[in-house]
């Protein structure tokens, strides 16, 4: 009986981890190359402090 609860808990845990939700990109999303430039600038500003 104990094994049944453990197996049920594992099945429920992994079942809850899946997602079929498809997210839409926001209209004001920054392009990837611009985001890379922004992250580099932020890193350089942090290093220089």
PDB file of N, CA and C in Angstrom:
ATOM      1  N   UNK A   1       0.825  -1.197   0.000  1.00  0.00           N
ATOM      2  CA  UNK A   1       0.000   0.000   0.000  1.00  0.00           C
ATOM      3  C   UNK A   1       0.868   1.259   0.000  1.00  0.00           C
ATOM      4  N   UNK A   2       1.993   1.180   0.700  1.00  0.00           N
ATOM      5  CA  UNK A   2       2.891   2.323   0.765  1.00  0.00           C
ATOM      6  C   UNK A   2       3.465   2.639  -0.618  1.00  0.00           C
ATOM      7  N   UNK A   3       3.781   1.589  -1.380  1.00  0.00           N
ATOM      8  CA  UNK A   3       4.339   1.775  -2.719  1.00  0.00           C
ATOM      9  C   UNK A   3       3.316   2.409  -3.656  1.00  0.00           C
ATOM     10  N   UNK A   4       2.063   2.109  -3.458  1.00  0.00           N
ATOM     11  CA  UNK A   4       1.013   2.681  -4.293  1.00  0.00           C
ATOM     12  C   UNK A   4       0.963   4.194  -4.124  1.00  0.00           C
ATOM     13  N   UNK A   5       1.076   4.675  -2.894  1.00  0.00           N
ATOM     14  CA  UNK A   5       1.059   6.116  -2.642  1.00  0.00           C
ATOM     15  C   UNK A   5       2.294   6.796  -3.220  1.00  0.00           C
ATOM     16  N   UNK A   6       3.417   6.134  -3.121  1.00  0.00           N
ATOM     17  CA  UNK A   6       4.648   6.708  -3.664  1.00  0.00           C
ATOM     18  C   UNK A   6       4.566   6.801  -5.181  1.00  0.00           C
ATOM     19  N   UNK A   7       4.110   5.745  -5.823  1.00  0.00           N
ATOM     20  CA  UNK A   7       3.974   5.748  -7.283  1.00  0.00           C
ATOM     21  C   UNK A   7       2.952   6.791  -7.721  1.00  0.00           C
ATOM     22  N   UNK A   8       1.851   6.886  -7.010  1.00  0.00           N
ATOM     23  CA  UNK A   8       0.830   7.886  -7.331  1.00  0.00           C
ATOM     24  C   UNK A   8       1.389   9.296  -7.181  1.00  0.00           C
ATOM     25  N   UNK A   9       2.153   9.537  -6.135  1.00  0.00           N
ATOM     26  CA  UNK A   9       2.751  10.856  -5.923  1.00  0.00           C
ATOM     27  C   UNK A   9       3.730  11.199  -7.040  1.00  0.00           C
ATOM     28  N   UNK A  10       4.522  10.228  -7.465  1.00  0.00           N
ATOM     29  CA  UNK A  10       5.483  10.466  -8.551  1.00  0.00           C
ATOM     30  C   UNK A  10       4.759  10.764  -9.858  1.00  0.00           C
ATOM     31  N   UNK A  11       3.724  10.010 -10.157  1.00  0.00           N
ATOM     32  CA  UNK A  11       2.958  10.232 -11.388  1.00  0.00           C
ATOM     33  C   UNK A  11       2.306  11.610 -11.368  1.00  0.00           C
ATOM     34  N   UNK A  12       1.731  11.998 -10.254  1.00  0.00           N
ATOM     35  CA  UNK A  12       1.108  13.321 -10.154  1.00  0.00           C
ATOM     36  C   UNK A  12       2.147  14.434 -10.257  1.00  0.00           C
ATOM     37  N   UNK A  13       3.306  14.219  -9.660  1.00  0.00           N
ATOM     38  CA  UNK A  13       4.369  15.224  -9.712  1.00  0.00           C
ATOM     39  C   UNK A  13       4.809  15.469 -11.147  1.00  0.00           C
ATOM     40  N   UNK A  14       5.106  14.395 -11.878  1.00  0.00           N
ATOM     41  CA  UNK A  14       5.557  14.559 -13.259  1.00  0.00           C
ATOM     42  C   UNK A  14       4.423  15.001 -14.180  1.00  0.00           C
ATOM     43  N   UNK A  15       3.208  14.652 -13.866  1.00  0.00           N
ATOM     44  CA  UNK A  15       2.073  15.110 -14.656  1.00  0.00           C
ATOM     45  C   UNK A  15       1.844  16.600 -14.514  1.00  0.00           C
ATOM     46  N   UNK A  16       2.138  17.135 -13.344  1.00  0.00           N
ATOM     47  CA  UNK A  16       1.958  18.561 -13.102  1.00  0.00           C
ATOM     48  C   UNK A  16       3.077  19.383 -13.729  1.00  0.00           C
ATOM     49  N   UNK A  17       4.192  18.763 -14.042  1.00  0.00           N
ATOM     50  CA  UNK A  17       5.342  19.484 -14.596  1.00  0.00           C
ATOM     51  C   UNK A  17       5.205  19.765 -16.087  1.00  0.00           C
ATOM     52  N   UNK A  18       4.295  19.116 -16.759  1.00  0.00           N
ATOM     53  CA  UNK A  18       4.147  19.336 -18.191  1.00  0.00           C
ATOM     54  C   UNK A  18       3.232  20.524 -18.439  1.00  0.00           C
ATOM     55  N   UNK A  19       3.489  21.209 -19.531  1.00  0.00           N
ATOM     56  CA  UNK A  19       2.680  22.366 -19.872  1.00  0.00           C
ATOM     57  C   UNK A  19       2.445  22.385 -21.376  1.00  0.00           C
ATOM     58  N   UNK A  20       1.224  22.583 -21.772  1.00  0.00           N
ATOM     59  CA  UNK A  20       0.878  22.689 -23.185  1.00  0.00           C
ATOM     60  C   UNK A  20       0.547  24.123 -23.561  1.00  0.00           C
ATOM     61  N   UNK A  21       0.882  25.051 -22.688  1.00  0.00           N
ATOM     62  CA  UNK A  21       0.578  26.452 -22.914  1.00  0.00           C
ATOM     63  C   UNK A  21       1.540  27.035 -23.945  1.00  0.00           C
ATOM     64  N   UNK A  22       0.994  27.705 -24.934  1.00  0.00           N
ATOM     65  CA  UNK A  22       1.803  28.383 -25.943  1.00  0.00           C
ATOM     66  C   UNK A  22       1.720  29.880 -25.656  1.00  0.00           C
ATOM     67  N   UNK A  23       2.869  30.461 -25.373  1.00  0.00           N
ATOM     68  CA  UNK A  23       2.908  31.876 -25.045  1.00  0.00           C
ATOM     69  C   UNK A  23       3.161  32.692 -26.305  1.00  0.00           C
ATOM     70  N   UNK A  24       2.459  33.819 -26.416  1.00  0.00           N
ATOM     71  CA  UNK A  24       2.654  34.722 -27.539  1.00  0.00           C
ATOM     72  C   UNK A  24       3.732  35.734 -27.172  1.00  0.00           C
ATOM     73  N   UNK A  25       4.521  36.125 -28.169  1.00  0.00           N
ATOM     74  CA  UNK A  25       5.554  37.127 -27.935  1.00  0.00           C
ATOM     75  C   UNK A  25       4.887  38.492 -27.790  1.00  0.00           C
ATOM     76  N   UNK A  26       5.344  39.291 -26.826  1.00  0.00           N
ATOM     77  CA  UNK A  26       4.778  40.633 -26.689  1.00  0.00           C
ATOM     78  C   UNK A  26       5.174  41.518 -27.875  1.00  0.00           C
ATOM     79  N   UNK A  27       4.373  42.532 -28.127  1.00  0.00           N
ATOM     80  CA  UNK A  27       4.618  43.420 -29.261  1.00  0.00           C
ATOM     81  C   UNK A  27       5.889  44.243 -29.083  1.00  0.00           C
ATOM     82  N   UNK A  28       6.215  44.590 -27.839  1.00  0.00           N
ATOM     83  CA  UNK A  28       7.376  45.441 -27.589  1.00  0.00           C
ATOM     84  C   UNK A  28       8.627  44.643 -27.205  1.00  0.00           C
ATOM     85  N   UNK A  29       8.755  43.439 -27.721  1.00  0.00           N
ATOM     86  CA  UNK A  29       9.898  42.578 -27.436  1.00  0.00           C
ATOM     87  C   UNK A  29      11.150  43.106 -28.130  1.00  0.00           C
ATOM     88  N   UNK A  30      12.263  43.141 -27.384  1.00  0.00           N
ATOM     89  CA  UNK A  30      13.528  43.620 -27.933  1.00  0.00           C
ATOM     90  C   UNK A  30      14.121  42.524 -28.819  1.00  0.00           C
ATOM     91  N   UNK A  31      14.607  42.885 -30.012  1.00  0.00           N
ATOM     92  CA  UNK A  31      15.251  41.880 -30.868  1.00  0.00           C
ATOM     93  C   UNK A  31      16.484  41.282 -30.188  1.00  0.00           C
ATOM     94  N   UNK A  32      16.839  40.068 -30.581  1.00  0.00           N
ATOM     95  CA  UNK A  32      17.922  39.332 -29.924  1.00  0.00           C
ATOM     96  C   UNK A  32      19.254  40.076 -30.003  1.00  0.00           C
ATOM     97  N   UNK A  33      19.609  40.613 -31.162  1.00  0.00           N
ATOM     98  CA  UNK A  33      20.899  41.298 -31.290  1.00  0.00           C
ATOM     99  C   UNK A  33      20.958  42.558 -30.434  1.00  0.00           C
ATOM    100  N   UNK A  34      19.841  43.257 -30.312  1.00  0.00           N
ATOM    101  CA  UNK A  34      19.792  44.443 -29.463  1.00  0.00           C
ATOM    102  C   UNK A  34      19.888  44.049 -27.986  1.00  0.00           C
ATOM    103  N   UNK A  35      19.294  42.926 -27.622  1.00  0.00           N
ATOM    104  CA  UNK A  35      19.368  42.447 -26.244  1.00  0.00           C
ATOM    105  C   UNK A  35      20.793  42.035 -25.888  1.00  0.00           C
ATOM    106  N   UNK A  36      21.495  41.416 -26.832  1.00  0.00           N
ATOM    107  CA  UNK A  36      22.894  41.041 -26.596  1.00  0.00           C
ATOM    108  C   UNK A  36      23.728  42.290 -26.342  1.00  0.00           C
ATOM    109  N   UNK A  37      23.537  43.317 -27.163  1.00  0.00           N
ATOM    110  CA  UNK A  37      24.260  44.575 -26.962  1.00  0.00           C
ATOM    111  C   UNK A  37      23.951  45.178 -25.598  1.00  0.00           C
ATOM    112  N   UNK A  38      22.699  45.142 -25.205  1.00  0.00           N
ATOM    113  CA  UNK A  38      22.292  45.674 -23.908  1.00  0.00           C
ATOM    114  C   UNK A  38      22.945  44.905 -22.766  1.00  0.00           C
ATOM    115  N   UNK A  39      22.971  43.575 -22.873  1.00  0.00           N
ATOM    116  CA  UNK A  39      23.578  42.753 -21.821  1.00  0.00           C
ATOM    117  C   UNK A  39      25.088  42.995 -21.730  1.00  0.00           C
ATOM    118  N   UNK A  40      25.746  43.168 -22.880  1.00  0.00           N
ATOM    119  CA  UNK A  40      27.183  43.459 -22.882  1.00  0.00           C
ATOM    120  C   UNK A  40      27.439  44.803 -22.221  1.00  0.00           C
ATOM    121  N   UNK A  41      26.644  45.807 -22.552  1.00  0.00           N
ATOM    122  CA  UNK A  41      26.797  47.125 -21.934  1.00  0.00           C
ATOM    123  C   UNK A  41      26.589  47.057 -20.423  1.00  0.00           C
ATOM    124  N   UNK A  42      25.588  46.296 -19.990  1.00  0.00           N
ATOM    125  CA  UNK A  42      25.335  46.164 -18.549  1.00  0.00           C
ATOM    126  C   UNK A  42      26.498  45.454 -17.863  1.00  0.00           C
ATOM    127  N   UNK A  43      27.047  44.437 -18.504  1.00  0.00           N
ATOM    128  CA  UNK A  43      28.181  43.712 -17.936  1.00  0.00           C
ATOM    129  C   UNK A  43      29.398  44.628 -17.829  1.00  0.00           C
ATOM    130  N   UNK A  44      29.668  45.382 -18.876  1.00  0.00           N
ATOM    131  CA  UNK A  44      30.815  46.290 -18.870  1.00  0.00           C
ATOM    132  C   UNK A  44      30.650  47.379 -17.817  1.00  0.00           C
ATOM    133  N   UNK A  45      29.443  47.884 -17.636  1.00  0.00           N
ATOM    134  CA  UNK A  45      29.198  48.895 -16.611  1.00  0.00           C
ATOM    135  C   UNK A  45      29.388  48.306 -15.222  1.00  0.00           C
ATOM    136  N   UNK A  46      29.005  47.063 -15.035  1.00  0.00           N
ATOM    137  CA  UNK A  46      29.151  46.411 -13.741  1.00  0.00           C
ATOM    138  C   UNK A  46      30.621  46.133 -13.434  1.00  0.00           C
ATOM    139  N   UNK A  47      31.397  45.765 -14.441  1.00  0.00           N
ATOM    140  CA  UNK A  47      32.815  45.462 -14.241  1.00  0.00           C
ATOM    141  C   UNK A  47      33.592  46.726 -13.906  1.00  0.00           C
ATOM    142  N   UNK A  48      33.220  47.831 -14.502  1.00  0.00           N
ATOM    143  CA  UNK A  48      33.969  49.069 -14.302  1.00  0.00           C
ATOM    144  C   UNK A  48      33.700  49.719 -12.951  1.00  0.00           C
ATOM    145  N   UNK A  49      32.740  49.253 -12.217  1.00  0.00           N
ATOM    146  CA  UNK A  49      32.407  49.855 -10.911  1.00  0.00           C
ATOM    147  C   UNK A  49      33.363  49.425  -9.858  1.00  0.00           C
TER     148      UNK A  49
END
